Structures are given as structure tokens and as C-alpha cells.
């Protein structure tokens, strides 16, 4: 059974679609059909005690330390200007 606010919201969505010819809230209308996000962040694998797992070096093509089996690429380090580095020395 729908509550009054959800009935009203459905009515507004229908009227919106009649007047403007487009869906008012596509994330509600096409729930489960829309692509939410392209990439997931890499996630470290954990053992039964909750600690990080290490990589098993005997398996060459899988990295057991990561849930997806692939380690993320390392980012570039930012280059500091040389005069800032001279001040540190």
C-alpha cells in the first residue's frame, strides 16, 4: 500500500511526463536499469581476522592482496620546483 506522499509524487511524475514529454526523475522510473558509476575503487582483500592479505607470489597472474585480483596503477608523483627543494636543504 502506498502512502499519500508516494501517491502524490507518482501523480506529479505522470503530469510532468505529459506536459514536458520527458521523465522527471529517471533514477526512480528506471530503477535498476541505469548505470550508476563506471569504476569502483580498488579494495584490499582481508583475511578472516580482518587484517590485510598479502600477495601469493606463486600465482603469477593474480594478486590475492586485492579483491578484484588486480593491483591499482601507481599515480605520478608531483614534481616540486627546485627552488622550494633548495630551501629545505
C-alpha atoms as a PDB file:
ATOM      1  CA  UNK A   1       0.000   0.000   0.000  1.00  0.00           C
ATOM      2  CA  UNK A   2       1.348   3.414  -0.998  1.00  0.00           C
ATOM      3  CA  UNK A   3       1.475   6.371   1.341  1.00  0.00           C
ATOM      4  CA  UNK A   4      -0.067   9.712   0.437  1.00  0.00           C
ATOM      5  CA  UNK A   5       3.295  11.304  -0.350  1.00  0.00           C
ATOM      6  CA  UNK A   6       4.326   8.497  -2.689  1.00  0.00           C
ATOM      7  CA  UNK A   7       0.922   8.662  -4.453  1.00  0.00           C
ATOM      8  CA  UNK A   8       1.302  12.416  -4.854  1.00  0.00           C
ATOM      9  CA  UNK A   9       4.864  12.017  -6.118  1.00  0.00           C
ATOM     10  CA  UNK A  10       3.725   9.424  -8.691  1.00  0.00           C
ATOM     11  CA  UNK A  11       0.929  11.794  -9.816  1.00  0.00           C
ATOM     12  CA  UNK A  12       3.401  14.677 -10.213  1.00  0.00           C
ATOM     13  CA  UNK A  13       5.740  12.391 -12.197  1.00  0.00           C
ATOM     14  CA  UNK A  14       2.904  11.413 -14.565  1.00  0.00           C
ATOM     15  CA  UNK A  15       1.793  15.031 -15.075  1.00  0.00           C
ATOM     16  CA  UNK A  16       5.412  16.088 -15.650  1.00  0.00           C
ATOM     17  CA  UNK A  17       5.779  13.428 -18.338  1.00  0.00           C
ATOM     18  CA  UNK A  18       2.546  14.561 -20.049  1.00  0.00           C
ATOM     19  CA  UNK A  19       3.451  18.257 -20.029  1.00  0.00           C
ATOM     20  CA  UNK A  20       7.172  18.186 -20.784  1.00  0.00           C
ATOM     21  CA  UNK A  21       7.480  14.876 -22.645  1.00  0.00           C
ATOM     22  CA  UNK A  22      10.402  13.703 -20.533  1.00  0.00           C
ATOM     23  CA  UNK A  23      10.819  11.691 -17.375  1.00  0.00           C
ATOM     24  CA  UNK A  24      11.030  13.853 -14.241  1.00  0.00           C
ATOM     25  CA  UNK A  25      13.208  11.522 -12.183  1.00  0.00           C
ATOM     26  CA  UNK A  26      14.829   8.863 -14.398  1.00  0.00           C
ATOM     27  CA  UNK A  27      16.646   7.306 -11.417  1.00  0.00           C
ATOM     28  CA  UNK A  28      13.245   6.404  -9.910  1.00  0.00           C
ATOM     29  CA  UNK A  29      11.430   5.438 -13.109  1.00  0.00           C
ATOM     30  CA  UNK A  30      14.212   3.196 -14.422  1.00  0.00           C
ATOM     31  CA  UNK A  31      15.425   1.834 -11.097  1.00  0.00           C
ATOM     32  CA  UNK A  32      17.959  -0.927 -11.633  1.00  0.00           C
ATOM     33  CA  UNK A  33      18.274  -0.189 -15.344  1.00  0.00           C
ATOM     34  CA  UNK A  34      20.552   2.823 -15.108  1.00  0.00           C
ATOM     35  CA  UNK A  35      24.318   2.588 -14.871  1.00  0.00           C
ATOM     36  CA  UNK A  36      25.246   4.091 -11.519  1.00  0.00           C
ATOM     37  CA  UNK A  37      29.015   4.548 -11.765  1.00  0.00           C
ATOM     38  CA  UNK A  38      31.714   3.466 -14.162  1.00  0.00           C
ATOM     39  CA  UNK A  39      34.575   2.419 -11.907  1.00  0.00           C
ATOM     40  CA  UNK A  40      34.797   1.036  -8.441  1.00  0.00           C
ATOM     41  CA  UNK A  41      37.679   1.956  -6.203  1.00  0.00           C
ATOM     42  CA  UNK A  42      40.204  -0.819  -5.691  1.00  0.00           C
ATOM     43  CA  UNK A  43      39.645  -2.662  -2.433  1.00  0.00           C
ATOM     44  CA  UNK A  44      42.208  -4.557  -0.387  1.00  0.00           C
ATOM     45  CA  UNK A  45      41.442  -8.173   0.447  1.00  0.00           C
ATOM     46  CA  UNK A  46      41.201  -9.095   4.109  1.00  0.00           C
ATOM     47  CA  UNK A  47      41.805 -12.343   5.947  1.00  0.00           C
ATOM     48  CA  UNK A  48      39.497 -13.987   8.493  1.00  0.00           C
ATOM     49  CA  UNK A  49      40.860 -11.776  11.316  1.00  0.00           C
ATOM     50  CA  UNK A  50      40.247  -8.607   9.325  1.00  0.00           C
ATOM     51  CA  UNK A  51      43.877  -7.918   8.524  1.00  0.00           C
ATOM     52  CA  UNK A  52      45.158  -7.194   5.020  1.00  0.00           C
ATOM     53  CA  UNK A  53      46.124 -10.243   2.970  1.00  0.00           C
ATOM     54  CA  UNK A  54      49.424 -10.426   1.150  1.00  0.00           C
ATOM     55  CA  UNK A  55      50.070 -11.451  -2.433  1.00  0.00           C
ATOM     56  CA  UNK A  56      50.914 -15.090  -3.107  1.00  0.00           C
ATOM     57  CA  UNK A  57      53.951 -14.897  -5.401  1.00  0.00           C
ATOM     58  CA  UNK A  58      53.461 -18.445  -6.721  1.00  0.00           C
ATOM     59  CA  UNK A  59      50.442 -17.262  -8.747  1.00  0.00           C
ATOM     60  CA  UNK A  60      51.804 -15.026 -11.467  1.00  0.00           C
ATOM     61  CA  UNK A  61      48.633 -13.545 -12.974  1.00  0.00           C
ATOM     62  CA  UNK A  62      46.506 -12.937  -9.875  1.00  0.00           C
ATOM     63  CA  UNK A  63      47.143 -10.615  -6.991  1.00  0.00           C
ATOM     64  CA  UNK A  64      45.469 -12.022  -3.889  1.00  0.00           C
ATOM     65  CA  UNK A  65      46.094  -8.799  -1.959  1.00  0.00           C
ATOM     66  CA  UNK A  66      43.284  -7.086  -3.904  1.00  0.00           C
ATOM     67  CA  UNK A  67      39.640  -8.185  -4.146  1.00  0.00           C
ATOM     68  CA  UNK A  68      39.460  -7.801  -7.930  1.00  0.00           C
ATOM     69  CA  UNK A  69      42.712  -9.713  -8.429  1.00  0.00           C
ATOM     70  CA  UNK A  70      44.484  -6.714  -9.967  1.00  0.00           C
ATOM     71  CA  UNK A  71      46.541  -4.115  -8.156  1.00  0.00           C
ATOM     72  CA  UNK A  72      45.733  -0.470  -8.959  1.00  0.00           C
ATOM     73  CA  UNK A  73      48.183   1.550 -11.016  1.00  0.00           C
ATOM     74  CA  UNK A  74      50.519   3.795  -9.078  1.00  0.00           C
ATOM     75  CA  UNK A  75      49.945   7.518  -9.559  1.00  0.00           C
ATOM     76  CA  UNK A  76      52.545  10.015 -10.661  1.00  0.00           C
ATOM     77  CA  UNK A  77      54.412  11.906  -8.009  1.00  0.00           C
ATOM     78  CA  UNK A  78      54.121  15.652  -8.184  1.00  0.00           C
ATOM     79  CA  UNK A  79      57.290  17.398  -9.190  1.00  0.00           C
ATOM     80  CA  UNK A  80      58.378  20.113  -6.787  1.00  0.00           C
ATOM     81  CA  UNK A  81      60.074  23.207  -8.063  1.00  0.00           C
ATOM     82  CA  UNK A  82      63.800  23.135  -7.498  1.00  0.00           C
ATOM     83  CA  UNK A  83      63.953  26.380  -5.506  1.00  0.00           C
ATOM     84  CA  UNK A  84      61.474  25.034  -2.969  1.00  0.00           C
ATOM     85  CA  UNK A  85      63.665  21.960  -2.553  1.00  0.00           C
ATOM     86  CA  UNK A  86      66.739  24.182  -2.053  1.00  0.00           C
ATOM     87  CA  UNK A  87      65.040  25.956   0.845  1.00  0.00           C
ATOM     88  CA  UNK A  88      64.578  22.639   2.629  1.00  0.00           C
ATOM     89  CA  UNK A  89      68.281  21.765   2.358  1.00  0.00           C
END
